[in-house]
């Protein structure tokens, strides 16, 4: 499993449209067998900052599976207006974790 983090700096006046786009784009993430879960978080201190966290079955599943699918094309069409707002988009491997159920 790998985790993709996408950090955005979205102008405040476009934040509603951004959240709406990801609300609909999430349908295409959920339809992919390679996407295990995702979340969209908004900055508390800086509400124009967003982090999209997507867990993929593997880097290959994301890049070779999802990115070559019809679902990706539909997903990307929805989030494309916000590509210029991306500050970082990278894959990470979880090395240590803890949580409560």
N, C-alpha and C. Protein backbone atom coordinates (compact mmCIF):
# COMPACT_ATOMS: atom_id res chain seq x y z
N UNK A 1 0.83 -1.17 0.00
CA UNK A 1 0.00 0.00 0.00
C UNK A 1 0.88 1.24 0.00
N UNK A 2 0.48 2.27 -0.75
CA UNK A 2 1.14 3.56 -0.72
C UNK A 2 0.08 4.63 -0.49
N UNK A 3 0.54 5.75 0.05
CA UNK A 3 -0.35 6.88 0.31
C UNK A 3 0.10 8.04 -0.57
N UNK A 4 -0.84 8.59 -1.30
CA UNK A 4 -0.57 9.77 -2.11
C UNK A 4 -1.09 10.98 -1.35
N UNK A 5 -0.24 11.99 -1.22
CA UNK A 5 -0.64 13.25 -0.62
C UNK A 5 -0.60 14.32 -1.70
N UNK A 6 -1.69 15.06 -1.80
CA UNK A 6 -1.75 16.18 -2.73
C UNK A 6 -2.08 17.41 -1.89
N UNK A 7 -1.15 18.35 -1.85
CA UNK A 7 -1.35 19.59 -1.09
C UNK A 7 -1.76 20.70 -2.04
N UNK A 8 -2.83 21.38 -1.69
CA UNK A 8 -3.35 22.47 -2.51
C UNK A 8 -3.35 23.77 -1.72
N UNK A 9 -3.17 24.87 -2.43
CA UNK A 9 -3.39 26.21 -1.89
C UNK A 9 -4.44 26.83 -2.80
N UNK A 10 -5.69 26.76 -2.38
CA UNK A 10 -6.82 27.18 -3.20
C UNK A 10 -7.31 28.54 -2.72
N UNK A 11 -7.40 29.53 -3.61
CA UNK A 11 -7.93 30.83 -3.20
C UNK A 11 -9.30 30.66 -2.52
N UNK A 12 -9.52 31.41 -1.47
CA UNK A 12 -10.73 31.28 -0.66
C UNK A 12 -12.00 31.33 -1.49
N UNK A 13 -12.03 32.19 -2.49
CA UNK A 13 -13.24 32.32 -3.30
C UNK A 13 -13.52 31.09 -4.18
N UNK A 14 -12.54 30.21 -4.31
CA UNK A 14 -12.72 28.98 -5.11
C UNK A 14 -12.84 27.73 -4.24
N UNK A 15 -12.78 27.89 -2.92
CA UNK A 15 -12.80 26.74 -2.01
C UNK A 15 -14.08 25.92 -2.14
N UNK A 16 -15.21 26.57 -2.25
CA UNK A 16 -16.48 25.85 -2.40
C UNK A 16 -16.50 25.00 -3.66
N UNK A 17 -16.03 25.56 -4.75
CA UNK A 17 -15.97 24.82 -6.02
C UNK A 17 -14.99 23.66 -5.92
N UNK A 18 -13.89 23.86 -5.20
CA UNK A 18 -12.90 22.79 -5.00
C UNK A 18 -13.54 21.62 -4.25
N UNK A 19 -14.21 21.92 -3.15
CA UNK A 19 -14.84 20.86 -2.35
C UNK A 19 -15.93 20.15 -3.15
N UNK A 20 -16.69 20.89 -3.91
CA UNK A 20 -17.73 20.29 -4.75
C UNK A 20 -17.11 19.38 -5.81
N UNK A 21 -16.01 19.82 -6.41
CA UNK A 21 -15.33 19.01 -7.43
C UNK A 21 -14.85 17.69 -6.83
N UNK A 22 -14.24 17.74 -5.65
CA UNK A 22 -13.77 16.50 -5.02
C UNK A 22 -14.92 15.64 -4.52
N UNK A 23 -16.03 16.26 -4.16
CA UNK A 23 -17.20 15.47 -3.77
C UNK A 23 -17.62 14.56 -4.94
N UNK A 24 -17.68 15.12 -6.13
CA UNK A 24 -18.06 14.35 -7.32
C UNK A 24 -16.92 13.46 -7.81
N UNK A 25 -15.69 13.96 -7.75
CA UNK A 25 -14.54 13.17 -8.20
C UNK A 25 -14.36 11.93 -7.34
N UNK A 26 -14.75 12.01 -6.09
CA UNK A 26 -14.65 10.86 -5.19
C UNK A 26 -15.41 9.65 -5.69
N UNK A 27 -16.47 9.87 -6.44
CA UNK A 27 -17.23 8.75 -7.01
C UNK A 27 -16.32 7.89 -7.89
N UNK A 28 -15.42 8.54 -8.62
CA UNK A 28 -14.53 7.83 -9.54
C UNK A 28 -13.38 7.17 -8.79
N UNK A 29 -12.96 7.75 -7.67
CA UNK A 29 -11.98 7.08 -6.82
C UNK A 29 -12.59 5.81 -6.22
N UNK A 30 -13.81 5.94 -5.71
CA UNK A 30 -14.48 4.78 -5.10
C UNK A 30 -14.72 3.66 -6.10
N UNK A 31 -14.87 4.01 -7.37
CA UNK A 31 -15.13 3.00 -8.41
C UNK A 31 -13.87 2.23 -8.79
N UNK A 32 -12.70 2.75 -8.42
CA UNK A 32 -11.45 2.09 -8.78
C UNK A 32 -11.09 1.02 -7.76
N UNK A 33 -10.79 -0.19 -8.21
CA UNK A 33 -10.37 -1.23 -7.27
C UNK A 33 -9.00 -0.94 -6.65
N UNK A 34 -8.27 0.01 -7.21
CA UNK A 34 -6.93 0.35 -6.70
C UNK A 34 -6.98 1.36 -5.55
N UNK A 35 -8.08 2.10 -5.44
CA UNK A 35 -8.22 3.09 -4.36
C UNK A 35 -8.82 2.41 -3.14
N UNK A 36 -8.09 2.45 -2.03
CA UNK A 36 -8.55 1.82 -0.79
C UNK A 36 -9.36 2.77 0.06
N UNK A 37 -8.99 4.05 0.07
CA UNK A 37 -9.74 5.09 0.79
C UNK A 37 -9.13 6.43 0.43
N UNK A 38 -9.90 7.47 0.70
CA UNK A 38 -9.39 8.83 0.47
C UNK A 38 -10.06 9.78 1.46
N UNK A 39 -9.43 10.92 1.63
CA UNK A 39 -10.02 11.97 2.46
C UNK A 39 -9.54 13.31 1.96
N UNK A 40 -10.38 14.31 2.15
CA UNK A 40 -10.04 15.69 1.82
C UNK A 40 -10.09 16.46 3.14
N UNK A 41 -8.97 17.08 3.50
CA UNK A 41 -8.88 17.85 4.75
C UNK A 41 -8.61 19.30 4.43
N UNK A 42 -9.19 20.17 5.26
CA UNK A 42 -9.02 21.62 5.09
C UNK A 42 -8.26 22.18 6.29
N UNK A 43 -7.35 23.10 6.02
CA UNK A 43 -6.58 23.71 7.09
C UNK A 43 -7.45 24.48 8.06
N UNK A 44 -7.18 24.33 9.34
CA UNK A 44 -7.92 25.05 10.37
C UNK A 44 -7.39 26.48 10.47
N UNK A 45 -6.08 26.60 10.61
CA UNK A 45 -5.48 27.94 10.73
C UNK A 45 -5.45 28.67 9.39
N UNK A 46 -5.31 27.91 8.32
CA UNK A 46 -5.25 28.49 6.97
C UNK A 46 -6.25 27.75 6.09
N UNK A 47 -7.51 28.19 6.09
CA UNK A 47 -8.57 27.44 5.41
C UNK A 47 -8.46 27.40 3.89
N UNK A 48 -7.47 28.05 3.33
CA UNK A 48 -7.25 27.96 1.88
C UNK A 48 -6.30 26.81 1.55
N UNK A 49 -5.76 26.14 2.57
CA UNK A 49 -4.90 24.96 2.37
C UNK A 49 -5.74 23.69 2.50
N UNK A 50 -5.53 22.79 1.56
CA UNK A 50 -6.23 21.50 1.55
C UNK A 50 -5.21 20.39 1.36
N UNK A 51 -5.48 19.24 1.95
CA UNK A 51 -4.68 18.04 1.70
C UNK A 51 -5.64 16.94 1.28
N UNK A 52 -5.35 16.35 0.15
CA UNK A 52 -6.09 15.17 -0.30
C UNK A 52 -5.17 13.98 -0.05
N UNK A 53 -5.66 13.03 0.70
CA UNK A 53 -4.89 11.83 1.06
C UNK A 53 -5.60 10.64 0.44
N UNK A 54 -4.88 9.91 -0.42
CA UNK A 54 -5.47 8.76 -1.10
C UNK A 54 -4.60 7.54 -0.83
N UNK A 55 -5.20 6.49 -0.32
CA UNK A 55 -4.49 5.22 -0.13
C UNK A 55 -4.74 4.36 -1.36
N UNK A 56 -3.64 3.91 -1.97
CA UNK A 56 -3.70 3.05 -3.15
C UNK A 56 -3.18 1.67 -2.79
N UNK A 57 -3.65 0.66 -3.51
CA UNK A 57 -3.16 -0.70 -3.26
C UNK A 57 -1.67 -0.81 -3.52
N UNK A 58 -1.16 -0.03 -4.48
CA UNK A 58 0.27 0.01 -4.80
C UNK A 58 0.51 1.22 -5.68
N UNK A 59 1.78 1.60 -5.81
CA UNK A 59 2.12 2.69 -6.72
C UNK A 59 1.77 2.29 -8.16
N UNK A 60 2.04 1.04 -8.49
CA UNK A 60 1.70 0.55 -9.83
C UNK A 60 0.19 0.57 -10.06
N UNK A 61 -0.58 0.18 -9.05
CA UNK A 61 -2.03 0.21 -9.17
C UNK A 61 -2.54 1.60 -9.45
N UNK A 62 -1.91 2.59 -8.82
CA UNK A 62 -2.30 3.98 -9.06
C UNK A 62 -1.88 4.43 -10.45
N UNK A 63 -0.58 4.29 -10.75
CA UNK A 63 -0.05 4.87 -11.99
C UNK A 63 -0.37 4.06 -13.23
N UNK A 64 -0.38 2.74 -13.12
CA UNK A 64 -0.64 1.90 -14.30
C UNK A 64 -2.11 1.47 -14.38
N UNK A 65 -2.75 1.34 -13.24
CA UNK A 65 -4.15 0.90 -13.23
C UNK A 65 -5.10 2.07 -13.33
N UNK A 66 -5.18 2.86 -12.25
CA UNK A 66 -6.13 3.97 -12.21
C UNK A 66 -5.85 5.01 -13.28
N UNK A 67 -4.62 5.44 -13.41
CA UNK A 67 -4.31 6.52 -14.34
C UNK A 67 -4.57 6.16 -15.80
N UNK A 68 -4.68 4.90 -16.12
CA UNK A 68 -4.96 4.47 -17.50
C UNK A 68 -6.43 4.10 -17.70
N UNK A 69 -7.25 4.39 -16.70
CA UNK A 69 -8.65 3.96 -16.75
C UNK A 69 -9.59 5.10 -17.15
N UNK A 70 -10.79 4.71 -17.54
CA UNK A 70 -11.85 5.68 -17.82
C UNK A 70 -12.20 6.46 -16.56
N UNK A 71 -12.14 5.80 -15.40
CA UNK A 71 -12.44 6.48 -14.14
C UNK A 71 -11.48 7.64 -13.90
N UNK A 72 -10.20 7.46 -14.25
CA UNK A 72 -9.25 8.56 -14.08
C UNK A 72 -9.62 9.73 -14.97
N UNK A 73 -9.98 9.46 -16.20
CA UNK A 73 -10.34 10.56 -17.11
C UNK A 73 -11.52 11.35 -16.57
N UNK A 74 -12.50 10.67 -16.02
CA UNK A 74 -13.66 11.35 -15.43
C UNK A 74 -13.25 12.12 -14.17
N UNK A 75 -12.42 11.49 -13.34
CA UNK A 75 -11.91 12.12 -12.13
C UNK A 75 -11.13 13.39 -12.47
N UNK A 76 -10.20 13.26 -13.42
CA UNK A 76 -9.33 14.38 -13.75
C UNK A 76 -10.11 15.55 -14.35
N UNK A 77 -11.12 15.27 -15.12
CA UNK A 77 -11.94 16.34 -15.70
C UNK A 77 -12.54 17.22 -14.61
N UNK A 78 -12.90 16.62 -13.49
CA UNK A 78 -13.50 17.37 -12.39
C UNK A 78 -12.48 18.19 -11.59
N UNK A 79 -11.28 17.65 -11.39
CA UNK A 79 -10.28 18.34 -10.57
C UNK A 79 -9.31 19.19 -11.38
N UNK A 80 -9.36 19.07 -12.68
CA UNK A 80 -8.43 19.78 -13.57
C UNK A 80 -8.37 21.30 -13.31
N UNK A 81 -9.49 21.97 -13.03
CA UNK A 81 -9.41 23.41 -12.77
C UNK A 81 -8.53 23.79 -11.58
N UNK A 82 -8.15 22.82 -10.76
CA UNK A 82 -7.38 23.10 -9.55
C UNK A 82 -5.94 22.60 -9.62
N UNK A 83 -5.53 22.09 -10.76
CA UNK A 83 -4.17 21.56 -10.91
C UNK A 83 -3.13 22.65 -10.64
N UNK A 84 -3.40 23.86 -11.08
CA UNK A 84 -2.42 24.94 -10.87
C UNK A 84 -2.30 25.32 -9.39
N UNK A 85 -3.22 24.87 -8.55
CA UNK A 85 -3.17 25.16 -7.12
C UNK A 85 -2.39 24.10 -6.33
N UNK A 86 -1.90 23.06 -7.01
CA UNK A 86 -1.16 21.99 -6.33
C UNK A 86 0.22 22.49 -5.92
N UNK A 87 0.57 22.25 -4.66
CA UNK A 87 1.89 22.58 -4.14
C UNK A 87 2.79 21.35 -4.05
N UNK A 88 2.17 20.19 -3.84
CA UNK A 88 2.93 18.94 -3.75
C UNK A 88 2.01 17.79 -4.12
N UNK A 89 2.56 16.82 -4.83
CA UNK A 89 1.82 15.60 -5.16
C UNK A 89 2.84 14.46 -5.19
N UNK A 90 2.85 13.63 -4.13
CA UNK A 90 3.86 12.58 -3.99
C UNK A 90 3.27 11.35 -3.33
N UNK A 91 3.95 10.23 -3.54
CA UNK A 91 3.60 8.97 -2.90
C UNK A 91 4.50 8.77 -1.68
N UNK A 92 3.91 8.20 -0.64
CA UNK A 92 4.65 7.88 0.59
C UNK A 92 4.30 6.46 1.02
N UNK A 93 5.24 5.81 1.68
CA UNK A 93 4.99 4.51 2.31
C UNK A 93 4.86 4.74 3.82
N UNK A 94 3.86 4.15 4.41
CA UNK A 94 3.68 4.27 5.85
C UNK A 94 4.74 3.42 6.53
N UNK A 95 5.53 4.04 7.39
CA UNK A 95 6.60 3.35 8.10
C UNK A 95 6.19 2.99 9.53
N UNK A 96 5.32 3.79 10.09
CA UNK A 96 4.87 3.55 11.45
C UNK A 96 3.51 4.21 11.60
N UNK A 97 2.62 3.57 12.34
CA UNK A 97 1.28 4.14 12.53
C UNK A 97 0.68 3.62 13.82
N UNK A 98 -0.24 4.34 14.33
CA UNK A 98 -1.00 3.95 15.51
C UNK A 98 -2.35 4.63 15.43
N UNK A 99 -3.34 4.07 16.00
CA UNK A 99 -4.65 4.71 16.04
C UNK A 99 -5.61 3.95 16.93
N UNK A 100 -6.70 4.58 17.22
CA UNK A 100 -7.77 3.96 17.99
C UNK A 100 -8.91 3.62 17.03
N UNK A 101 -9.61 2.53 17.32
CA UNK A 101 -10.75 2.18 16.44
C UNK A 101 -11.88 3.18 16.55
